[in-house]
Protein backbone atom coordinates (compact mmCIF):
# COMPACT_ATOMS: atom_id res chain seq x y z
CA UNK A 1 0.12 -0.13 0.00
CA UNK A 2 1.27 3.31 -0.82
CA UNK A 3 1.76 6.16 1.56
CA UNK A 4 -1.05 8.26 -0.10
CA UNK A 5 -3.46 5.25 0.47
CA UNK A 6 -2.35 4.81 4.10
CA UNK A 7 -2.94 8.65 4.74
CA UNK A 8 -6.34 8.54 3.17
CA UNK A 9 -7.43 5.45 5.15
CA UNK A 10 -6.21 7.01 8.54
CA UNK A 11 -8.13 10.32 7.70
CA UNK A 12 -11.37 8.63 6.59
CA UNK A 13 -11.06 6.61 9.88
CA UNK A 14 -10.58 9.64 11.93
CA UNK A 15 -13.66 11.32 10.21
CA UNK A 16 -15.83 8.34 10.43
CA UNK A 17 -15.20 8.03 14.16
CA UNK A 18 -16.86 11.55 14.54
CA UNK A 19 -16.28 12.99 18.26
CA UNK A 20 -16.05 9.66 19.78
CA UNK A 21 -12.23 10.09 19.98
CA UNK A 22 -12.62 13.56 21.79
CA UNK A 23 -15.45 12.21 24.05
CA UNK A 24 -13.14 12.79 27.12
CA UNK A 25 -12.93 16.58 26.28
CA UNK A 26 -16.60 16.93 27.30
CA UNK A 27 -17.44 17.35 31.11
CA UNK A 28 -18.89 14.11 32.76
CA UNK A 29 -21.01 15.41 35.47
CA UNK A 30 -22.52 11.94 36.13
CA UNK A 31 -19.64 10.45 37.73
CA UNK A 32 -18.37 11.81 41.14
CA UNK A 33 -16.41 14.98 40.83
CA UNK A 34 -13.11 15.75 42.56
CA UNK A 35 -14.57 18.82 44.47
CA UNK A 36 -17.23 16.55 46.11
CA UNK A 37 -14.65 14.93 48.24
CA UNK A 38 -13.79 18.34 49.75
CA UNK A 39 -14.01 18.49 53.46
CA UNK A 40 -13.21 20.88 56.48
CA UNK A 41 -9.92 20.53 57.95
CA UNK A 42 -9.08 21.46 61.50
CA UNK A 43 -8.20 25.08 62.40
CA UNK A 44 -4.57 26.12 62.02
CA UNK A 45 -2.68 25.52 65.26
CA UNK A 46 0.00 28.17 65.92
CA UNK A 47 2.98 27.50 68.01
CA UNK A 48 3.47 29.60 71.31
CA UNK A 49 5.21 32.81 70.71
CA UNK A 50 4.04 33.17 67.01
CA UNK A 51 1.17 35.38 65.94
CA UNK A 52 -1.86 33.72 64.45
CA UNK A 53 -2.90 34.50 60.90
CA UNK A 54 -6.06 36.53 60.04
CA UNK A 55 -8.90 33.95 59.62
CA UNK A 56 -11.67 36.49 59.22
CA UNK A 57 -12.01 35.77 55.47
CA UNK A 58 -11.49 31.92 55.68
CA UNK A 59 -13.60 29.79 53.55
CA UNK A 60 -15.91 27.61 55.46
CA UNK A 61 -17.54 24.62 53.89
CA UNK A 62 -21.22 24.41 55.19
CA UNK A 63 -22.45 21.14 56.25
CA UNK A 64 -25.18 19.84 53.94
CA UNK A 65 -28.01 17.69 55.39
CA UNK A 66 -29.83 16.90 52.08
CA UNK A 67 -27.97 15.93 49.03
CA UNK A 68 -29.46 16.73 45.75
CA UNK A 69 -30.76 13.98 43.63
CA UNK A 70 -28.12 12.68 41.22
CA UNK A 71 -28.58 13.67 37.51
CA UNK A 72 -30.33 11.21 35.25
CA UNK A 73 -28.28 9.52 32.44
CA UNK A 74 -29.68 11.92 29.95
CA UNK A 75 -29.60 15.15 32.08
CA UNK A 76 -27.17 18.03 30.94
CA UNK A 77 -24.47 19.15 33.51
CA UNK A 78 -25.14 22.19 35.32
CA UNK A 79 -22.42 24.18 33.34
CA UNK A 80 -24.36 23.42 30.10
CA UNK A 81 -26.98 25.93 29.57
CA UNK A 82 -30.60 24.58 28.78
CA UNK A 83 -31.89 24.47 25.28
CA UNK A 84 -33.43 27.64 24.20
CA UNK A 85 -36.62 27.65 22.30
CA UNK A 86 -37.77 31.19 21.19
CA UNK A 87 -41.49 32.09 22.28
CA UNK A 88 -43.92 32.12 19.38
CA UNK A 89 -44.59 35.58 17.84
CA UNK A 90 -47.24 37.60 19.46
CA UNK A 91 -50.20 37.23 16.93
CA UNK A 92 -52.26 40.20 18.64
CA UNK A 93 -49.26 42.65 17.98
CA UNK A 94 -48.66 41.60 14.33
CA UNK A 95 -52.44 41.89 13.30
CA UNK A 96 -52.73 45.58 14.03
């Protein structure tokens, strides 16, 4: 087989596979995400004789009692906007 045919076959295979090769580039919100394992750590302990840092603006992870239901297999991720469907034209305004 010549080099031209090999390149054409490889190009055709890549095109026929569609986006399957690039499927991992899209976010997968249906599997557990890394941020969901975040937890609150113990406060910083400062040795005696040293000044404690300012913790006034420290990030506090609130305790959540109720977890939201998991997304369905065909639900979109939260970072994907919902599908937009334009409202029908106002027939009363167009008839005057």
